[in-house]
C-alpha cells in the first residue's frame, strides 16, 4: 500500500505541475487561443487520444480515493484503540493515552520535556517518544525506565496484555538542576498525602 501511495503522490505532483505550466503559459499568452482550440478539437475527435484522456481520468479517480483513505479513513482508525468487554465494545482515544503517557514520564526528574505519538495496528501499540533529558544522566538506564513505565502504564490502563512497542528518540540533553525538580515533585506528592493530626508525645 505504501508503494502504491508513493505512485499516487508522484502522479498527483506531475499532473499538478502540468496544469500549473499550462495555466502559466496561457496567462502569459505563450499559448494562443488557436493552439488551445486545435488541441481540444484533436482530443475530441481522435479515438486514441480519447483513450489516453479516459485513462488519466481513471487514474485521477483512483488517486483521489487513495488520498481519501490516507488522510481521512486511515488517520481516524489510527486515533482510537478498541477492545471487547463482556458488556460491549470499548473505544479509547489514542490522544488521551498520549497525554497520560506524557504526564507519567514528566514525573521523572531526569526528564525535562517529552513528546509522545501513539499509533495502533493489529500487531499492537506503537509509541514514539521524543525526550529532552537533563545533563549527567545515564541514557541507557533512563530510557529503559521510560520504556518500562510506558509499557506498564498503558497495559494497566487498557486492562489487557496488549503488546506495546516503545521507540525513544533523545533529541536534546540540556543542563538542569535536578535537585530542584525532585523537591518540587516531592512537595506535590506530600500535598496529596493525608495529613495526620499531631496528638502530642506519649510517655
C-alpha atoms as a PDB file:
ATOM      1  CA  UNK A   1       0.000   0.000   0.000  1.00  0.00           C
ATOM      2  CA  UNK A   2       2.873   2.400   0.762  1.00  0.00           C
ATOM      3  CA  UNK A   3       4.396   1.767  -2.702  1.00  0.00           C
ATOM      4  CA  UNK A   4       1.039   2.431  -4.358  1.00  0.00           C
ATOM      5  CA  UNK A   5       0.631   5.604  -2.296  1.00  0.00           C
ATOM      6  CA  UNK A   6       4.018   6.877  -3.484  1.00  0.00           C
ATOM      7  CA  UNK A   7       2.997   6.287  -7.090  1.00  0.00           C
ATOM      8  CA  UNK A   8      -0.269   8.170  -6.498  1.00  0.00           C
ATOM      9  CA  UNK A   9       1.606  11.086  -4.923  1.00  0.00           C
ATOM     10  CA  UNK A  10       4.091  11.169  -7.818  1.00  0.00           C
ATOM     11  CA  UNK A  11       1.237  11.146 -10.329  1.00  0.00           C
ATOM     12  CA  UNK A  12      -0.533  13.928  -8.431  1.00  0.00           C
ATOM     13  CA  UNK A  13       2.608  16.089  -8.370  1.00  0.00           C
ATOM     14  CA  UNK A  14       3.272  15.514 -12.082  1.00  0.00           C
ATOM     15  CA  UNK A  15      -0.291  16.329 -13.057  1.00  0.00           C
ATOM     16  CA  UNK A  16      -0.327  19.431 -10.848  1.00  0.00           C
ATOM     17  CA  UNK A  17       2.907  20.696 -12.407  1.00  0.00           C
ATOM     18  CA  UNK A  18       1.492  20.115 -15.901  1.00  0.00           C
ATOM     19  CA  UNK A  19      -1.690  22.058 -15.104  1.00  0.00           C
ATOM     20  CA  UNK A  20       0.321  24.876 -13.483  1.00  0.00           C
ATOM     21  CA  UNK A  21       2.613  25.166 -16.513  1.00  0.00           C
ATOM     22  CA  UNK A  22      -0.355  25.120 -18.903  1.00  0.00           C
ATOM     23  CA  UNK A  23      -2.180  27.869 -16.977  1.00  0.00           C
ATOM     24  CA  UNK A  24       1.018  29.921 -16.684  1.00  0.00           C
ATOM     25  CA  UNK A  25       1.750  29.726 -20.435  1.00  0.00           C
ATOM     26  CA  UNK A  26      -1.885  30.538 -21.214  1.00  0.00           C
ATOM     27  CA  UNK A  27      -1.966  33.537 -18.845  1.00  0.00           C
ATOM     28  CA  UNK A  28       1.327  34.892 -20.251  1.00  0.00           C
ATOM     29  CA  UNK A  29      -0.032  34.350 -23.778  1.00  0.00           C
ATOM     30  CA  UNK A  30       2.682  31.881 -24.725  1.00  0.00           C
ATOM     31  CA  UNK A  31      -0.216  29.713 -25.931  1.00  0.00           C
ATOM     32  CA  UNK A  32      -2.690  31.208 -28.353  1.00  0.00           C
ATOM     33  CA  UNK A  33      -6.396  30.509 -28.391  1.00  0.00           C
ATOM     34  CA  UNK A  34      -5.936  28.874 -31.764  1.00  0.00           C
ATOM     35  CA  UNK A  35      -3.448  26.349 -30.337  1.00  0.00           C
ATOM     36  CA  UNK A  36      -5.747  25.527 -27.430  1.00  0.00           C
ATOM     37  CA  UNK A  37      -8.746  25.169 -29.738  1.00  0.00           C
ATOM     38  CA  UNK A  38      -6.791  22.911 -32.094  1.00  0.00           C
ATOM     39  CA  UNK A  39      -5.680  20.658 -29.221  1.00  0.00           C
ATOM     40  CA  UNK A  40      -9.230  20.356 -27.877  1.00  0.00           C
ATOM     41  CA  UNK A  41     -10.551  19.551 -31.361  1.00  0.00           C
ATOM     42  CA  UNK A  42      -7.983  16.786 -31.843  1.00  0.00           C
ATOM     43  CA  UNK A  43      -8.678  15.407 -28.364  1.00  0.00           C
ATOM     44  CA  UNK A  44     -12.395  15.341 -29.101  1.00  0.00           C
ATOM     45  CA  UNK A  45     -12.113  13.593 -32.469  1.00  0.00           C
ATOM     46  CA  UNK A  46      -9.079  11.313 -32.105  1.00  0.00           C
ATOM     47  CA  UNK A  47     -10.093   7.909 -30.647  1.00  0.00           C
ATOM     48  CA  UNK A  48      -6.614   7.001 -29.353  1.00  0.00           C
ATOM     49  CA  UNK A  49      -6.268  10.360 -27.592  1.00  0.00           C
ATOM     50  CA  UNK A  50      -9.697   9.847 -26.045  1.00  0.00           C
ATOM     51  CA  UNK A  51      -8.491   6.583 -24.530  1.00  0.00           C
ATOM     52  CA  UNK A  52      -5.461   8.345 -23.054  1.00  0.00           C
ATOM     53  CA  UNK A  53      -7.674  11.048 -21.544  1.00  0.00           C
ATOM     54  CA  UNK A  54     -10.030   8.410 -20.107  1.00  0.00           C
ATOM     55  CA  UNK A  55      -7.043   6.578 -18.585  1.00  0.00           C
ATOM     56  CA  UNK A  56      -5.808   9.787 -16.970  1.00  0.00           C
ATOM     57  CA  UNK A  57      -9.315  10.474 -15.625  1.00  0.00           C
ATOM     58  CA  UNK A  58      -9.476   6.950 -14.177  1.00  0.00           C
ATOM     59  CA  UNK A  59      -6.098   7.386 -12.503  1.00  0.00           C
ATOM     60  CA  UNK A  60      -7.269  10.681 -11.036  1.00  0.00           C
ATOM     61  CA  UNK A  61     -10.347   8.999  -9.532  1.00  0.00           C
ATOM     62  CA  UNK A  62      -8.156   6.235  -8.103  1.00  0.00           C
ATOM     63  CA  UNK A  63      -5.651   8.773  -6.780  1.00  0.00           C
ATOM     64  CA  UNK A  64      -8.387  10.730  -5.011  1.00  0.00           C
ATOM     65  CA  UNK A  65      -9.626   7.517  -3.398  1.00  0.00           C
ATOM     66  CA  UNK A  66      -6.117   6.734  -2.143  1.00  0.00           C
ATOM     67  CA  UNK A  67      -5.755  10.230  -0.688  1.00  0.00           C
ATOM     68  CA  UNK A  68      -9.152   9.906   0.996  1.00  0.00           C
ATOM     69  CA  UNK A  69      -8.086   6.641   2.619  1.00  0.00           C
ATOM     70  CA  UNK A  70      -4.714   8.060   3.585  1.00  0.00           C
ATOM     71  CA  UNK A  71      -5.802  11.391   5.064  1.00  0.00           C
ATOM     72  CA  UNK A  72      -9.247  10.569   6.470  1.00  0.00           C
ATOM     73  CA  UNK A  73     -10.084   6.904   6.991  1.00  0.00           C
ATOM     74  CA  UNK A  74      -6.600   5.701   8.000  1.00  0.00           C
ATOM     75  CA  UNK A  75      -5.942   8.659  10.282  1.00  0.00           C
ATOM     76  CA  UNK A  76      -9.269   8.168  12.057  1.00  0.00           C
ATOM     77  CA  UNK A  77      -8.572   4.474  12.515  1.00  0.00           C
ATOM     78  CA  UNK A  78      -5.145   5.180  13.967  1.00  0.00           C
ATOM     79  CA  UNK A  79      -6.563   7.602  16.538  1.00  0.00           C
ATOM     80  CA  UNK A  80      -8.539   5.030  18.526  1.00  0.00           C
ATOM     81  CA  UNK A  81      -7.977   1.607  20.005  1.00  0.00           C
ATOM     82  CA  UNK A  82     -10.910  -0.721  20.516  1.00  0.00           C
ATOM     83  CA  UNK A  83     -11.358  -3.892  22.551  1.00  0.00           C
ATOM     84  CA  UNK A  84     -14.294  -6.005  23.686  1.00  0.00           C
ATOM     85  CA  UNK A  85     -15.563  -6.143  27.252  1.00  0.00           C
ATOM     86  CA  UNK A  86     -18.170  -8.686  28.397  1.00  0.00           C
ATOM     87  CA  UNK A  87     -20.761  -5.878  28.363  1.00  0.00           C
ATOM     88  CA  UNK A  88     -19.800  -4.489  24.959  1.00  0.00           C
ATOM     89  CA  UNK A  89     -17.148  -2.856  22.791  1.00  0.00           C
ATOM     90  CA  UNK A  90     -14.908  -0.110  24.195  1.00  0.00           C
ATOM     91  CA  UNK A  91     -13.027   2.529  22.178  1.00  0.00           C
ATOM     92  CA  UNK A  92     -10.222   4.582  23.691  1.00  0.00           C
ATOM     93  CA  UNK A  93      -8.798   7.743  22.147  1.00  0.00           C
ATOM     94  CA  UNK A  94      -5.087   7.493  21.460  1.00  0.00           C
ATOM     95  CA  UNK A  95      -4.812  11.226  22.127  1.00  0.00           C
ATOM     96  CA  UNK A  96      -5.969  10.593  25.693  1.00  0.00           C
ATOM     97  CA  UNK A  97      -3.353   7.847  26.077  1.00  0.00           C
ATOM     98  CA  UNK A  98      -0.671  10.174  24.702  1.00  0.00           C
ATOM     99  CA  UNK A  99      -1.492  12.817  27.319  1.00  0.00           C
ATOM    100  CA  UNK A 100      -1.497  10.182  30.055  1.00  0.00           C
ATOM    101  CA  UNK A 101       1.913   8.866  28.973  1.00  0.00           C
ATOM    102  CA  UNK A 102       3.313  12.392  28.830  1.00  0.00           C
ATOM    103  CA  UNK A 103       2.187  13.164  32.383  1.00  0.00           C
ATOM    104  CA  UNK A 104       3.629   9.878  33.628  1.00  0.00           C
ATOM    105  CA  UNK A 105       7.034  10.406  32.012  1.00  0.00           C
ATOM    106  CA  UNK A 106       7.244  14.051  33.112  1.00  0.00           C
ATOM    107  CA  UNK A 107       7.140  12.900  36.736  1.00  0.00           C
ATOM    108  CA  UNK A 108      10.690  11.636  36.352  1.00  0.00           C
ATOM    109  CA  UNK A 109      13.201  14.291  37.475  1.00  0.00           C
ATOM    110  CA  UNK A 110      15.640  13.335  34.702  1.00  0.00           C
ATOM    111  CA  UNK A 111      13.135  14.343  32.018  1.00  0.00           C
ATOM    112  CA  UNK A 112      12.883  17.989  31.048  1.00  0.00           C
ATOM    113  CA  UNK A 113      10.356  17.638  28.218  1.00  0.00           C
ATOM    114  CA  UNK A 114       8.637  14.857  26.276  1.00  0.00           C
ATOM    115  CA  UNK A 115       6.571  14.474  23.117  1.00  0.00           C
ATOM    116  CA  UNK A 116       4.508  11.342  22.537  1.00  0.00           C
ATOM    117  CA  UNK A 117       2.995   9.922  19.356  1.00  0.00           C
ATOM    118  CA  UNK A 118       0.927   6.740  19.560  1.00  0.00           C
ATOM    119  CA  UNK A 119      -0.470   4.548  16.780  1.00  0.00           C
ATOM    120  CA  UNK A 120      -2.302   1.227  16.768  1.00  0.00           C
ATOM    121  CA  UNK A 121      -2.351  -1.774  14.464  1.00  0.00           C
ATOM    122  CA  UNK A 122      -3.325  -5.435  14.615  1.00  0.00           C
ATOM    123  CA  UNK A 123       0.169  -6.257  15.895  1.00  0.00           C
ATOM    124  CA  UNK A 124      -0.118  -3.942  18.903  1.00  0.00           C
ATOM    125  CA  UNK A 125       0.542  -0.400  20.005  1.00  0.00           C
ATOM    126  CA  UNK A 126       3.472   1.679  18.780  1.00  0.00           C
ATOM    127  CA  UNK A 127       4.659   4.539  20.967  1.00  0.00           C
ATOM    128  CA  UNK A 128       7.173   7.076  19.659  1.00  0.00           C
ATOM    129  CA  UNK A 129       8.706   9.210  22.392  1.00  0.00           C
ATOM    130  CA  UNK A 130      10.960  12.226  21.915  1.00  0.00           C
ATOM    131  CA  UNK A 131      12.836  13.132  25.082  1.00  0.00           C
ATOM    132  CA  UNK A 132      14.755  16.147  26.261  1.00  0.00           C
ATOM    133  CA  UNK A 133      16.987  14.945  29.074  1.00  0.00           C
ATOM    134  CA  UNK A 134      18.788  16.694  31.877  1.00  0.00           C
ATOM    135  CA  UNK A 135      22.569  16.607  31.909  1.00  0.00           C
ATOM    136  CA  UNK A 136      24.592  13.957  33.682  1.00  0.00           C
ATOM    137  CA  UNK A 137      22.141  11.102  33.187  1.00  0.00           C
ATOM    138  CA  UNK A 138      22.718   7.521  32.132  1.00  0.00           C
ATOM    139  CA  UNK A 139      20.871   7.345  28.811  1.00  0.00           C
ATOM    140  CA  UNK A 140      20.520   3.520  28.582  1.00  0.00           C
ATOM    141  CA  UNK A 141      19.268   3.381  32.158  1.00  0.00           C
ATOM    142  CA  UNK A 142      16.793   6.272  31.933  1.00  0.00           C
ATOM    143  CA  UNK A 143      15.399   5.192  28.552  1.00  0.00           C
ATOM    144  CA  UNK A 144      14.897   1.665  29.883  1.00  0.00           C
ATOM    145  CA  UNK A 145      12.944   3.096  32.819  1.00  0.00           C
ATOM    146  CA  UNK A 146      10.834   5.216  30.483  1.00  0.00           C
ATOM    147  CA  UNK A 147      10.027   2.221  28.283  1.00  0.00           C
ATOM    148  CA  UNK A 148       9.092   0.126  31.307  1.00  0.00           C
ATOM    149  CA  UNK A 149       6.882   2.886  32.774  1.00  0.00           C
ATOM    150  CA  UNK A 150       5.071   3.449  29.491  1.00  0.00           C
ATOM    151  CA  UNK A 151       4.508  -0.261  28.862  1.00  0.00           C
ATOM    152  CA  UNK A 152       3.116  -0.937  32.344  1.00  0.00           C
ATOM    153  CA  UNK A 153       1.009   2.240  32.370  1.00  0.00           C
ATOM    154  CA  UNK A 154      -0.616   1.511  29.013  1.00  0.00           C
ATOM    155  CA  UNK A 155      -1.267  -2.139  29.830  1.00  0.00           C
ATOM    156  CA  UNK A 156      -2.731  -1.297  33.230  1.00  0.00           C
ATOM    157  CA  UNK A 157      -4.917   1.445  31.777  1.00  0.00           C
ATOM    158  CA  UNK A 158      -6.307  -0.622  28.929  1.00  0.00           C
ATOM    159  CA  UNK A 159      -6.655  -3.670  31.135  1.00  0.00           C
ATOM    160  CA  UNK A 160      -5.339  -6.143  28.585  1.00  0.00           C
ATOM    161  CA  UNK A 161      -1.929  -7.599  27.812  1.00  0.00           C
ATOM    162  CA  UNK A 162      -1.584  -5.697  24.549  1.00  0.00           C
ATOM    163  CA  UNK A 163       1.891  -5.654  23.020  1.00  0.00           C
ATOM    164  CA  UNK A 164       3.433  -2.205  23.402  1.00  0.00           C
ATOM    165  CA  UNK A 165       6.450  -1.195  21.307  1.00  0.00           C
ATOM    166  CA  UNK A 166       8.167   1.897  22.676  1.00  0.00           C
ATOM    167  CA  UNK A 167      10.697   3.688  20.456  1.00  0.00           C
ATOM    168  CA  UNK A 168      12.629   6.513  22.117  1.00  0.00           C
ATOM    169  CA  UNK A 169      14.473   9.342  20.428  1.00  0.00           C
ATOM    170  CA  UNK A 170      16.677  11.553  22.596  1.00  0.00           C
ATOM    171  CA  UNK A 171      16.576  14.913  20.872  1.00  0.00           C
ATOM    172  CA  UNK A 172      18.467  17.072  23.308  1.00  0.00           C
ATOM    173  CA  UNK A 173      20.376  16.983  26.579  1.00  0.00           C
ATOM    174  CA  UNK A 174      20.230  20.242  28.498  1.00  0.00           C
ATOM    175  CA  UNK A 175      21.577  21.229  31.920  1.00  0.00           C
ATOM    176  CA  UNK A 176      19.022  21.415  34.682  1.00  0.00           C
ATOM    177  CA  UNK A 177      19.085  21.488  38.463  1.00  0.00           C
ATOM    178  CA  UNK A 178      17.643  18.071  39.098  1.00  0.00           C
ATOM    179  CA  UNK A 179      17.549  18.564  42.853  1.00  0.00           C
ATOM    180  CA  UNK A 180      15.091  21.410  42.496  1.00  0.00           C
ATOM    181  CA  UNK A 181      12.836  19.343  40.264  1.00  0.00           C
ATOM    182  CA  UNK A 182      12.969  16.433  42.708  1.00  0.00           C
ATOM    183  CA  UNK A 183      11.978  18.778  45.524  1.00  0.00           C
ATOM    184  CA  UNK A 184       9.028  20.088  43.519  1.00  0.00           C
ATOM    185  CA  UNK A 185       7.859  16.548  42.783  1.00  0.00           C
ATOM    186  CA  UNK A 186       8.245  15.547  46.429  1.00  0.00           C
ATOM    187  CA  UNK A 187       6.266  18.587  47.546  1.00  0.00           C
ATOM    188  CA  UNK A 188       3.454  17.725  45.136  1.00  0.00           C
ATOM    189  CA  UNK A 189       3.394  14.143  46.426  1.00  0.00           C
ATOM    190  CA  UNK A 190       3.333  15.349  50.031  1.00  0.00           C
ATOM    191  CA  UNK A 191       0.339  17.571  49.302  1.00  0.00           C
ATOM    192  CA  UNK A 192      -1.584  14.555  48.036  1.00  0.00           C
ATOM    193  CA  UNK A 193      -0.918  12.616  51.238  1.00  0.00           C
ATOM    194  CA  UNK A 194      -3.421  12.839  54.078  1.00  0.00           C
ATOM    195  CA  UNK A 195      -2.078  14.885  56.993  1.00  0.00           C
ATOM    196  CA  UNK A 196      -2.293  13.037  60.325  1.00  0.00           C
ATOM    197  CA  UNK A 197      -3.133  15.413  63.263  1.00  0.00           C
ATOM    198  CA  UNK A 198      -0.446  15.750  65.905  1.00  0.00           C
ATOM    199  CA  UNK A 199      -1.647  14.451  69.287  1.00  0.00           C
ATOM    200  CA  UNK A 200       1.436  15.237  71.360  1.00  0.00           C
ATOM    201  CA  UNK A 201       4.068  12.998  72.869  1.00  0.00           C
ATOM    202  CA  UNK A 202       3.162   9.977  74.900  1.00  0.00           C
ATOM    203  CA  UNK A 203       5.094   8.770  77.906  1.00  0.00           C
END
